[in-house]
Structure formats: C-alpha cells, structure tokens
N, C-alpha and C. Protein backbone atom coordinates (compact mmCIF):
# COMPACT_ATOMS: atom_id res chain seq x y z
N UNK A 1 0.67 -1.29 0.27
CA UNK A 1 0.11 -0.41 0.58
C UNK A 1 0.81 0.92 -0.30
N UNK A 2 0.25 1.94 -1.10
CA UNK A 2 1.32 3.45 -1.30
C UNK A 2 0.18 5.02 -0.35
N UNK A 3 0.82 5.13 0.57
CA UNK A 3 0.20 6.65 0.92
C UNK A 3 0.90 7.78 1.02
N UNK A 4 -0.15 8.98 0.35
CA UNK A 4 0.50 9.64 -0.01
C UNK A 4 0.25 11.63 0.22
N UNK A 5 0.98 12.11 1.00
CA UNK A 5 -0.31 13.28 1.42
C UNK A 5 0.31 13.96 0.18
N UNK A 6 -1.09 15.14 0.62
CA UNK A 6 -1.36 16.33 -1.29
C UNK A 6 -1.87 17.04 0.18
N UNK A 7 -1.10 18.20 -0.53
CA UNK A 7 -2.05 19.32 -0.45
C UNK A 7 -2.79 20.37 -1.33
N UNK A 8 -4.08 19.79 -0.89
CA UNK A 8 -5.26 20.37 -1.46
C UNK A 8 -5.11 22.28 -1.25
N UNK A 9 -4.35 22.31 -0.65
CA UNK A 9 -4.60 24.15 -0.10
C UNK A 9 -3.02 24.92 -1.95
N UNK A 10 -2.46 23.97 -2.04
CA UNK A 10 -1.09 24.43 -3.05
C UNK A 10 -2.26 24.66 -4.57
N UNK A 11 -2.43 25.45 -5.60
CA UNK A 11 -3.11 25.09 -6.44
C UNK A 11 -2.01 24.19 -7.81
N UNK A 12 -3.31 23.36 -8.17
CA UNK A 12 -2.92 22.67 -8.84
C UNK A 12 -2.28 21.24 -8.34
N UNK A 13 -2.10 21.17 -6.67
CA UNK A 13 -0.70 20.35 -6.69
C UNK A 13 -1.75 18.43 -6.74
N UNK A 14 -2.92 18.92 -6.76
CA UNK A 14 -3.29 18.14 -5.89
C UNK A 14 -3.80 17.12 -8.19
N UNK A 15 -4.26 17.90 -8.70
CA UNK A 15 -3.97 17.11 -10.21
C UNK A 15 -2.71 16.89 -11.03
N UNK A 16 -1.55 17.47 -10.08
CA UNK A 16 -0.42 17.41 -11.01
C UNK A 16 0.05 16.15 -10.05
N UNK A 17 -0.28 15.01 -8.52
CA UNK A 17 -0.07 14.23 -8.24
C UNK A 17 -1.00 13.31 -8.48
N UNK A 18 -1.91 13.86 -8.85
CA UNK A 18 -3.11 12.18 -9.68
C UNK A 18 -2.20 12.27 -10.50
N UNK A 19 -2.06 13.30 -11.26
CA UNK A 19 -1.34 12.28 -13.20
C UNK A 19 -0.39 11.87 -12.58
N UNK A 20 0.13 12.31 -11.67
CA UNK A 20 1.59 11.51 -12.28
C UNK A 20 1.97 10.33 -11.02
N UNK A 21 0.75 9.51 -10.34
CA UNK A 21 0.50 8.20 -9.55
C UNK A 21 -0.16 7.70 -10.50
N UNK A 22 -1.38 8.22 -11.20
CA UNK A 22 -1.85 7.41 -12.53
C UNK A 22 -0.62 6.85 -13.29
N UNK A 23 0.32 7.42 -13.74
CA UNK A 23 0.87 7.09 -14.60
C UNK A 23 2.31 6.16 -14.08
N UNK A 24 2.77 6.27 -12.68
CA UNK A 24 3.77 5.50 -11.98
C UNK A 24 2.95 4.44 -12.47
N UNK A 25 1.71 4.17 -12.07
CA UNK A 25 0.50 3.02 -11.09
C UNK A 25 0.07 2.42 -12.38
N UNK A 26 -0.60 2.57 -13.41
CA UNK A 26 -0.93 2.32 -15.08
C UNK A 26 -0.24 2.37 -15.85
N UNK A 27 0.80 3.35 -15.97
CA UNK A 27 2.22 3.86 -17.57
C UNK A 27 0.54 4.93 -18.30
N UNK A 28 -0.06 5.12 -18.11
CA UNK A 28 -1.00 5.64 -18.79
C UNK A 28 -1.02 7.91 -18.38
N UNK A 29 -1.18 8.54 -19.46
CA UNK A 29 -0.94 9.27 -19.06
C UNK A 29 -2.30 10.47 -17.94
N UNK A 30 -3.17 9.01 -18.18
CA UNK A 30 -4.97 9.59 -17.45
C UNK A 30 -5.54 8.06 -17.84
N UNK A 31 -6.63 8.50 -16.56
CA UNK A 31 -7.49 7.15 -16.08
C UNK A 31 -8.55 7.48 -15.61
N UNK A 32 -9.44 8.73 -15.63
CA UNK A 32 -11.30 8.73 -15.82
C UNK A 32 -10.99 7.78 -13.93
N UNK A 33 -11.20 7.17 -14.45
CA UNK A 33 -11.91 6.35 -12.90
C UNK A 33 -11.00 6.25 -11.89
N UNK A 34 -9.64 5.85 -11.88
CA UNK A 34 -8.56 5.85 -11.07
C UNK A 34 -8.42 7.45 -10.26
N UNK A 35 -8.75 8.69 -11.39
CA UNK A 35 -8.38 9.86 -10.72
C UNK A 35 -9.87 10.24 -9.95
N UNK A 36 -10.49 10.17 -10.37
CA UNK A 36 -12.26 9.93 -9.89
C UNK A 36 -11.88 9.37 -7.85
N UNK A 37 -11.46 8.11 -8.45
CA UNK A 37 -11.80 7.66 -6.68
C UNK A 37 -10.07 8.69 -6.05
N UNK A 38 -9.45 9.13 -6.97
CA UNK A 38 -7.96 9.68 -5.89
C UNK A 38 -8.49 10.68 -5.26
N UNK A 39 -8.77 11.57 -5.95
CA UNK A 39 -10.27 12.78 -5.82
C UNK A 39 -11.15 12.37 -4.74
N UNK A 40 -11.52 11.47 -5.02
CA UNK A 40 -12.63 11.22 -3.81
C UNK A 40 -11.91 10.96 -2.97
N UNK A 41 -11.10 10.17 -2.21
CA UNK A 41 -10.24 9.74 -1.25
C UNK A 41 -9.98 11.17 -0.66
N UNK A 42 -9.45 11.62 -1.26
CA UNK A 42 -8.83 13.18 -0.80
C UNK A 42 -9.81 14.68 0.01
N UNK A 43 -10.89 13.78 -0.91
CA UNK A 43 -11.58 14.89 -0.52
C UNK A 43 -12.63 14.76 0.97
N UNK A 44 -12.80 13.12 0.97
CA UNK A 44 -13.21 12.98 1.91
C UNK A 44 -11.97 13.20 2.97
N UNK A 45 -11.29 12.92 3.64
CA UNK A 45 -10.14 12.94 4.43
C UNK A 45 -10.39 14.21 4.67
N UNK A 46 -10.67 15.27 4.04
CA UNK A 46 -10.41 16.50 3.88
C UNK A 46 -12.16 17.10 5.01
N UNK A 47 -12.64 16.66 4.39
CA UNK A 47 -14.33 16.64 4.88
C UNK A 47 -14.09 16.05 6.36
N UNK A 48 -13.76 15.30 6.91
CA UNK A 48 -13.80 14.14 8.30
C UNK A 48 -13.34 15.28 8.45
N UNK A 49 -11.91 15.59 8.46
CA UNK A 49 -10.87 16.68 9.97
C UNK A 49 -11.99 17.94 9.47
N UNK A 50 -12.27 18.15 9.14
CA UNK A 50 -13.31 19.37 8.86
C UNK A 50 -14.61 19.32 9.84
N UNK A 51 -15.34 18.41 9.68
CA UNK A 51 -16.67 17.36 10.44
C UNK A 51 -15.73 17.37 12.14
N UNK A 52 -14.86 16.43 12.15
CA UNK A 52 -14.02 16.49 13.51
C UNK A 52 -13.81 18.11 14.29
N UNK A 53 -13.59 19.04 13.28
CA UNK A 53 -12.95 20.13 13.78
C UNK A 53 -14.18 21.03 14.61
N UNK A 54 -15.50 20.38 13.99
CA UNK A 54 -16.69 21.40 14.19
C UNK A 54 -17.66 20.64 15.34
N UNK A 55 -17.08 19.57 16.29
CA UNK A 55 -17.34 17.94 16.42
C UNK A 55 -17.17 18.99 17.84
N UNK A 56 -15.63 19.45 17.87
CA UNK A 56 -14.81 19.95 18.54
C UNK A 56 -15.11 21.31 19.10
N UNK A 57 -15.47 21.36 18.06
CA UNK A 57 -15.82 23.31 19.06
C UNK A 57 -17.24 23.46 19.68
N UNK A 58 -18.43 22.48 18.94
CA UNK A 58 -19.56 22.62 19.66
C UNK A 58 -19.60 21.66 21.06
N UNK A 59 -18.46 20.96 21.00
CA UNK A 59 -18.14 20.21 22.26
C UNK A 59 -17.84 21.64 23.43
N UNK A 60 -17.05 22.90 23.21
CA UNK A 60 -16.03 22.97 23.23
C UNK A 60 -17.24 24.49 24.58
N UNK A 61 -18.05 24.35 23.34
CA UNK A 61 -19.08 25.66 23.47
C UNK A 61 -19.85 25.62 24.70
N UNK A 62 -20.38 23.94 24.88
CA UNK A 62 -21.03 23.00 26.02
C UNK A 62 -20.27 23.86 27.50
N UNK A 63 -18.65 23.78 27.83
CA UNK A 63 -18.38 23.55 28.48
C UNK A 63 -19.28 24.83 29.48
N UNK A 64 -18.40 24.22 31.08
CA UNK A 64 -18.87 25.33 31.92
C UNK A 64 -17.92 26.23 32.13
N UNK A 65 -17.66 27.35 32.63
CA UNK A 65 -16.99 28.37 33.02
C UNK A 65 -16.03 28.19 33.32
N UNK A 66 -15.51 27.57 34.40
CA UNK A 66 -14.17 27.01 34.87
C UNK A 66 -13.47 26.00 34.01
N UNK A 67 -13.86 25.00 33.82
CA UNK A 67 -13.77 24.00 32.84
C UNK A 67 -13.11 24.59 31.35
N UNK A 68 -13.74 25.81 30.88
CA UNK A 68 -13.70 26.98 29.39
C UNK A 68 -12.31 26.81 29.33
N UNK A 69 -12.24 28.12 30.69
CA UNK A 69 -11.26 28.55 30.86
C UNK A 69 -9.79 27.33 31.61
N UNK A 70 -9.53 26.39 31.73
CA UNK A 70 -9.09 25.57 31.70
C UNK A 70 -9.02 24.73 30.04
N UNK A 71 -9.60 24.51 29.15
CA UNK A 71 -9.48 24.07 28.56
C UNK A 71 -8.57 25.17 26.98
N UNK A 72 -9.50 26.28 27.68
CA UNK A 72 -8.75 27.78 26.53
C UNK A 72 -7.01 27.46 27.26
N UNK A 73 -6.59 27.42 28.17
CA UNK A 73 -5.32 27.89 28.82
C UNK A 73 -4.35 26.21 28.38
N UNK A 74 -4.97 25.28 28.20
CA UNK A 74 -4.21 23.99 27.56
C UNK A 74 -4.30 24.14 26.05
N UNK A 75 -5.30 24.95 25.43
CA UNK A 75 -5.04 24.87 24.14
C UNK A 75 -3.70 26.05 23.66
N UNK A 76 -3.84 26.95 24.21
CA UNK A 76 -2.34 27.62 24.02
C UNK A 76 -1.46 27.28 24.78
N UNK A 77 -1.50 26.70 25.49
CA UNK A 77 -0.53 25.72 26.56
C UNK A 77 0.10 28.37 27.46
N UNK A 78 -1.07 28.03 28.12
CA UNK A 78 -0.50 29.71 28.75
C UNK A 78 -0.49 29.63 29.59
N UNK A 79 -0.58 30.40 31.32
CA UNK A 79 -1.97 30.51 32.40
C UNK A 79 -1.88 31.68 31.77
N UNK A 80 -3.58 32.10 32.11
CA UNK A 80 -4.45 33.14 31.66
C UNK A 80 -4.23 34.49 33.24
N UNK A 81 -3.93 35.37 33.50
CA UNK A 81 -4.00 36.59 33.82
C UNK A 81 -5.85 35.94 34.53
N UNK A 82 -6.23 36.65 35.16
CA UNK A 82 -7.73 37.45 35.73
C UNK A 82 -7.61 38.63 34.46
N UNK A 83 -7.72 39.15 34.17
CA UNK A 83 -7.92 39.98 32.67
C UNK A 83 -8.38 39.13 31.84
N UNK A 84 -7.57 38.00 31.30
CA UNK A 84 -7.15 37.20 30.15
C UNK A 84 -9.13 35.77 30.72
N UNK A 85 -8.49 35.66 31.66
CA UNK A 85 -9.82 34.71 31.89
C UNK A 85 -11.54 35.59 32.22
N UNK A 86 -11.49 36.69 32.47
CA UNK A 86 -12.52 37.72 32.51
C UNK A 86 -12.92 37.67 30.78
N UNK A 87 -12.36 38.19 30.80
CA UNK A 87 -12.92 38.40 28.63
C UNK A 87 -13.13 36.76 27.93
N UNK A 88 -12.54 35.93 28.56
CA UNK A 88 -12.99 34.81 27.84
C UNK A 88 -14.05 34.80 28.29
N UNK A 89 -14.28 35.03 29.67
CA UNK A 89 -15.56 34.84 29.76
C UNK A 89 -17.22 35.25 29.21
N UNK A 90 -16.31 36.84 29.79
CA UNK A 90 -17.27 37.82 28.75
C UNK A 90 -17.70 37.41 26.87
N UNK A 91 -16.83 37.39 26.76
CA UNK A 91 -17.24 37.07 25.51
C UNK A 91 -17.88 35.86 25.05
N UNK A 92 -17.68 34.76 25.97
CA UNK A 92 -18.53 33.29 25.77
C UNK A 92 -19.87 33.56 25.96
N UNK A 93 -20.38 34.85 27.08
CA UNK A 93 -20.98 34.34 27.67
C UNK A 93 -22.16 35.44 27.57
N UNK A 94 -21.70 36.68 27.03
CA UNK A 94 -22.07 38.21 26.74
C UNK A 94 -22.40 38.70 25.34
N UNK A 95 -21.47 38.27 24.65
CA UNK A 95 -21.20 39.31 23.14
C UNK A 95 -21.77 38.03 21.78
N UNK A 96 -20.92 36.10 22.33
CA UNK A 96 -21.46 35.41 20.83
C UNK A 96 -22.67 35.34 21.35
N UNK A 97 -23.03 35.04 19.98
CA UNK A 97 -24.21 34.88 20.28
C UNK A 97 -24.57 33.11 19.25
N UNK A 98 -23.63 33.03 19.03
CA UNK A 98 -23.32 31.73 19.63
C UNK A 98 -22.05 30.84 18.15
N UNK A 99 -22.20 29.27 18.70
CA UNK A 99 -21.48 28.60 17.39
C UNK A 99 -22.11 29.09 16.25
N UNK A 100 -20.95 29.44 15.43
CA UNK A 100 -21.12 29.96 14.06
C UNK A 100 -22.24 30.58 13.96
N UNK A 101 -22.51 31.26 14.41
CA UNK A 101 -23.41 32.66 14.49
C UNK A 101 -23.30 34.17 14.42
N UNK A 102 -21.83 34.35 15.03
CA UNK A 102 -21.74 35.60 15.35
C UNK A 102 -21.06 36.49 13.60
N UNK A 103 -22.11 37.50 13.58
CA UNK A 103 -21.23 38.23 12.13
C UNK A 103 -19.85 39.18 12.60
N UNK A 104 -20.02 39.66 11.57
CA UNK A 104 -18.83 40.75 12.21
C UNK A 104 -18.72 41.63 13.01
N UNK A 105 -19.86 42.65 13.64
CA UNK A 105 -20.33 43.09 14.90
C UNK A 105 -20.01 42.57 16.14
N UNK A 106 -19.97 41.18 15.88
CA UNK A 106 -19.88 40.45 17.19
C UNK A 106 -17.70 40.09 17.10
N UNK A 107 -17.95 39.41 16.05
CA UNK A 107 -16.18 39.72 16.02
C UNK A 107 -15.64 40.54 16.11
N UNK A 108 -15.80 41.39 15.45
CA UNK A 108 -14.92 42.51 16.21
C UNK A 108 -14.76 43.06 17.58
N UNK A 109 -15.67 42.73 17.96
CA UNK A 109 -15.92 43.16 19.14
C UNK A 109 -15.12 42.25 20.00
N UNK A 110 -14.90 40.48 20.19
CA UNK A 110 -14.54 39.83 20.29
C UNK A 110 -13.19 40.86 20.40
N UNK A 111 -12.64 40.73 18.73
CA UNK A 111 -11.14 40.86 18.88
C UNK A 111 -10.71 41.95 20.04
N UNK A 112 -11.30 42.86 19.54
CA UNK A 112 -10.79 43.76 20.39
C UNK A 112 -10.91 43.96 22.03
N UNK A 113 -12.05 42.86 22.58
CA UNK A 113 -12.10 42.54 23.90
C UNK A 113 -11.26 41.44 23.94
N UNK A 114 -10.12 41.06 23.68
CA UNK A 114 -9.22 39.99 23.55
C UNK A 114 -7.92 40.50 23.17
N UNK A 115 -8.13 42.02 22.47
CA UNK A 115 -6.80 42.68 22.12
C UNK A 115 -5.99 43.60 24.08
N UNK A 116 -7.61 43.93 24.21
CA UNK A 116 -7.01 43.76 25.66
C UNK A 116 -7.09 43.79 26.58
N UNK A 117 -7.36 42.92 26.57
CA UNK A 117 -6.97 41.40 27.22
C UNK A 117 -5.78 41.39 27.29
N UNK A 118 -5.13 41.47 26.73
CA UNK A 118 -3.62 41.04 26.14
C UNK A 118 -3.43 39.57 25.49
N UNK A 119 -4.36 39.84 24.80
CA UNK A 119 -3.70 38.23 24.16
C UNK A 119 -2.89 39.13 22.72
N UNK A 120 -2.62 37.61 22.07
CA UNK A 120 -1.37 38.34 20.86
C UNK A 120 -2.84 38.11 19.92
N UNK A 121 -3.18 38.35 18.60
CA UNK A 121 -3.65 38.61 17.23
C UNK A 121 -4.23 37.04 17.13
N UNK A 122 -3.03 35.92 17.34
CA UNK A 122 -3.19 34.44 16.42
C UNK A 122 -3.00 34.03 18.21
N UNK A 123 -3.28 33.92 19.27
CA UNK A 123 -3.80 33.75 20.47
C UNK A 123 -5.05 33.69 20.44
N UNK A 124 -5.65 35.64 19.73
CA UNK A 124 -6.89 35.20 19.82
C UNK A 124 -7.78 34.94 18.78
N UNK A 125 -7.23 34.79 17.19
CA UNK A 125 -7.78 33.90 16.51
C UNK A 125 -7.78 31.95 17.20
N UNK A 126 -7.33 32.03 17.59
CA UNK A 126 -6.91 30.60 17.89
C UNK A 126 -8.02 30.37 18.51
N UNK A 127 -8.40 31.00 19.42
CA UNK A 127 -8.72 30.68 20.53
C UNK A 127 -11.23 31.17 20.07
N UNK A 128 -10.76 31.39 19.38
CA UNK A 128 -12.18 31.97 18.56
C UNK A 128 -11.92 30.79 17.39
N UNK A 129 -11.75 30.25 17.01
CA UNK A 129 -11.52 29.12 15.78
C UNK A 129 -11.91 27.35 16.61
N UNK A 130 -11.33 27.84 18.21
CA UNK A 130 -11.87 26.94 19.23
C UNK A 130 -12.60 26.50 19.95
C-alpha cells in the first residue's frame, strides 16, 4: 500500500500529483476512473477533518466556565491572567450569539476584548476558532 500526502491548498498540486500517481501505477497519462477515486479519497479526508473540528468546537461551546478557562489554557499552553479569564468568559457569555452565529460586529468586539486583555492576535484567532 502506498500512502501519499496531498496538499489540497496548493493550486494545481492535487491534479499534478493525481496524474503522477496514475502514470506511475498504470503507465497511462490519465485514467478517469482512478482519477475520480483518488480525488474522492482526498476530499473525504478533508471533510472528515472539518467535521471533527466542528464537533470539537460544539463540545467546547458546552463547557462550564471553569472548564472553559482550563481548556482554553491548555489549547494555548499558557496560564491566564485574571483579565484574560474575564475576557474569555465575557465573550462567551455576553458577546457571542452562539457557535457559527456571529457576524462582523460580534467578531470585531471579540477581537477588541481579547486585545484589551493582552492576547496576541494569533492567540485570539486560535481561541475564537476552537
């Protein structure tokens, strides 16, 4: 069995790799059936990863305040100041409209709140996406 990592985010990488695999294993320049199977396999992996991420986010949204702070601290690998803990709980309990329900106004307010509490932009982005 051959396993190959395919970077689906790089333009044309998937097509180049698919065609290379087909040529290597069949000797043909292209094989529509094999090409379809390879693309379906790669797409399935990406969808599975995305669905797992959504499940994790939904589970995190249901945490108690104490657990929310603990999990957020573990995610970033840092101990929070009181201001950072307050910001996280204020965002979750007062600003957010719910998972995947926030518009630009809410997201902008969250970013400002995290900035004010001393989080870096990358830390804030990571917290908001988890």
